[in-house]
C-alpha atoms as a PDB file:
ATOM      1  CA  MET A   1     -74.163 122.986  85.638  1.00  0.00           C
ATOM      2  CA  ASN A   2     -71.152 121.328  84.041  1.00  0.00           C
ATOM      3  CA  MET A   3     -72.630 119.977  80.757  1.00  0.00           C
ATOM      4  CA  ILE A   4     -71.739 116.389  79.953  1.00  0.00           C
ATOM      5  CA  ILE A   5     -73.601 115.581  76.932  1.00  0.00           C
ATOM      6  CA  GLU A   6     -73.786 111.945  75.712  1.00  0.00           C
ATOM      7  CA  LYS A   7     -73.919 111.160  72.282  1.00  0.00           C
ATOM      8  CA  ASN A   8     -77.363 108.878  72.622  1.00  0.00           C
ATOM      9  CA  ILE A   9     -79.524 110.966  74.130  1.00  0.00           C
ATOM     10  CA  LEU A  10     -82.767 111.550  71.950  1.00  0.00           C
ATOM     11  CA  GLN A  11     -82.698 114.624  69.987  1.00  0.00           C
ATOM     12  CA  LYS A  12     -86.244 115.909  71.700  1.00  0.00           C
ATOM     13  CA  ASP A  13     -84.446 115.719  75.071  1.00  0.00           C
ATOM     14  CA  LEU A  14     -81.445 117.800  73.431  1.00  0.00           C
ATOM     15  CA  GLU A  15     -83.795 120.793  71.918  1.00  0.00           C
ATOM     16  CA  GLU A  16     -85.603 120.862  75.546  1.00  0.00           C
ATOM     17  CA  LYS A  17     -81.809 121.073  76.607  1.00  0.00           C
ATOM     18  CA  LEU A  18     -81.629 123.756  74.332  1.00  0.00           C
ATOM     19  CA  LEU A  19     -84.355 125.582  74.785  1.00  0.00           C
ATOM     20  CA  GLY A  20     -83.709 125.750  78.357  1.00  0.00           C
ATOM     21  CA  LEU A  21     -80.143 127.162  77.803  1.00  0.00           C
ATOM     22  CA  LEU A  22     -81.316 129.941  75.576  1.00  0.00           C
ATOM     23  CA  LYS A  23     -83.992 130.829  78.208  1.00  0.00           C
ATOM     24  CA  GLU A  24     -81.505 130.661  80.708  1.00  0.00           C
ATOM     25  CA  GLN A  25     -78.741 132.863  78.265  1.00  0.00           C
ATOM     26  CA  PHE A  26     -81.755 135.396  78.092  1.00  0.00           C
ATOM     27  CA  ASN A  27     -82.022 135.477  81.803  1.00  0.00           C
ATOM     28  CA  ILE A  28     -78.133 136.177  82.382  1.00  0.00           C
ATOM     29  CA  ARG A  29     -78.245 138.585  79.700  1.00  0.00           C
ATOM     30  CA  LEU A  30     -80.785 140.787  81.256  1.00  0.00           C
ATOM     31  CA  GLN A  31     -79.224 140.607  84.787  1.00  0.00           C
ATOM     32  CA  LEU A  32     -76.183 142.050  83.105  1.00  0.00           C
ATOM     33  CA  ALA A  33     -77.878 144.925  81.790  1.00  0.00           C
ATOM     34  CA  SER A  34     -79.326 145.705  84.906  1.00  0.00           C
ATOM     35  CA  GLY A  35     -76.310 145.360  86.216  1.00  0.00           C
ATOM     36  CA  LYS A  36     -77.319 142.245  89.114  1.00  0.00           C
ATOM     37  CA  LEU A  37     -75.031 139.754  87.510  1.00  0.00           C
ATOM     38  CA  LYS A  38     -72.425 138.680  90.164  1.00  0.00           C
ATOM     39  CA  LYS A  39     -70.900 135.627  88.179  1.00  0.00           C
ATOM     40  CA  THR A  40     -69.914 136.245  84.522  1.00  0.00           C
ATOM     41  CA  HIS A  41     -68.599 133.340  84.042  1.00  0.00           C
ATOM     42  CA  LEU A  42     -72.184 132.090  83.220  1.00  0.00           C
ATOM     43  CA  ILE A  43     -72.293 133.971  80.160  1.00  0.00           C
ATOM     44  CA  ARG A  44     -69.622 132.159  78.651  1.00  0.00           C
ATOM     45  CA  LYS A  45     -70.686 128.575  79.909  1.00  0.00           C
ATOM     46  CA  VAL A  46     -73.824 128.643  78.975  1.00  0.00           C
ATOM     47  CA  ARG A  47     -72.838 129.828  75.284  1.00  0.00           C
ATOM     48  CA  LYS A  48     -70.541 127.025  75.170  1.00  0.00           C
ATOM     49  CA  ASP A  49     -73.235 124.817  76.595  1.00  0.00           C
ATOM     50  CA  ILE A  50     -75.633 126.084  73.382  1.00  0.00           C
ATOM     51  CA  ALA A  51     -72.834 125.840  71.007  1.00  0.00           C
ATOM     52  CA  ARG A  52     -72.158 121.756  72.056  1.00  0.00           C
ATOM     53  CA  ILE A  53     -75.790 120.977  72.130  1.00  0.00           C
ATOM     54  CA  LYS A  54     -76.477 122.751  68.437  1.00  0.00           C
ATOM     55  CA  THR A  55     -73.349 120.901  67.073  1.00  0.00           C
ATOM     56  CA  LEU A  56     -74.498 117.254  68.194  1.00  0.00           C
ATOM     57  CA  LEU A  57     -77.934 118.367  66.334  1.00  0.00           C
ATOM     58  CA  MET A  58     -76.351 119.081  63.391  1.00  0.00           C
ATOM     59  CA  ASP A  59     -73.968 116.351  63.437  1.00  0.00           C
ATOM     60  CA  ARG A  60     -77.723 113.987  63.421  1.00  0.00           C
ATOM     61  CA  ILE A  61     -78.773 115.936  60.706  1.00  0.00           C
ATOM     62  CA  ASN A  62     -75.819 115.521  58.596  1.00  0.00           C
ATOM     63  CA  ASN A  63     -75.575 112.069  59.292  1.00  0.00           C
ATOM     64  CA  LYS A  64     -79.119 111.077  58.162  1.00  0.00           C
ATOM     65  CA  LEU A  65     -78.286 112.531  54.710  1.00  0.00           C
END
């Protein structure tokens, strides 16, 4: 999943994507702990995608003030 985030996405959609990525991150961490994770690059990729979405959400909050 290559994240390309548009600035005009609704906040509700961003929050849903964030929740989905957090669940995915949890599952990846479980797989890593159990030794079943083959694609270790996914850890970093999901973490970066979460940061991108959180940055957009915070920018929107700060611009409203």
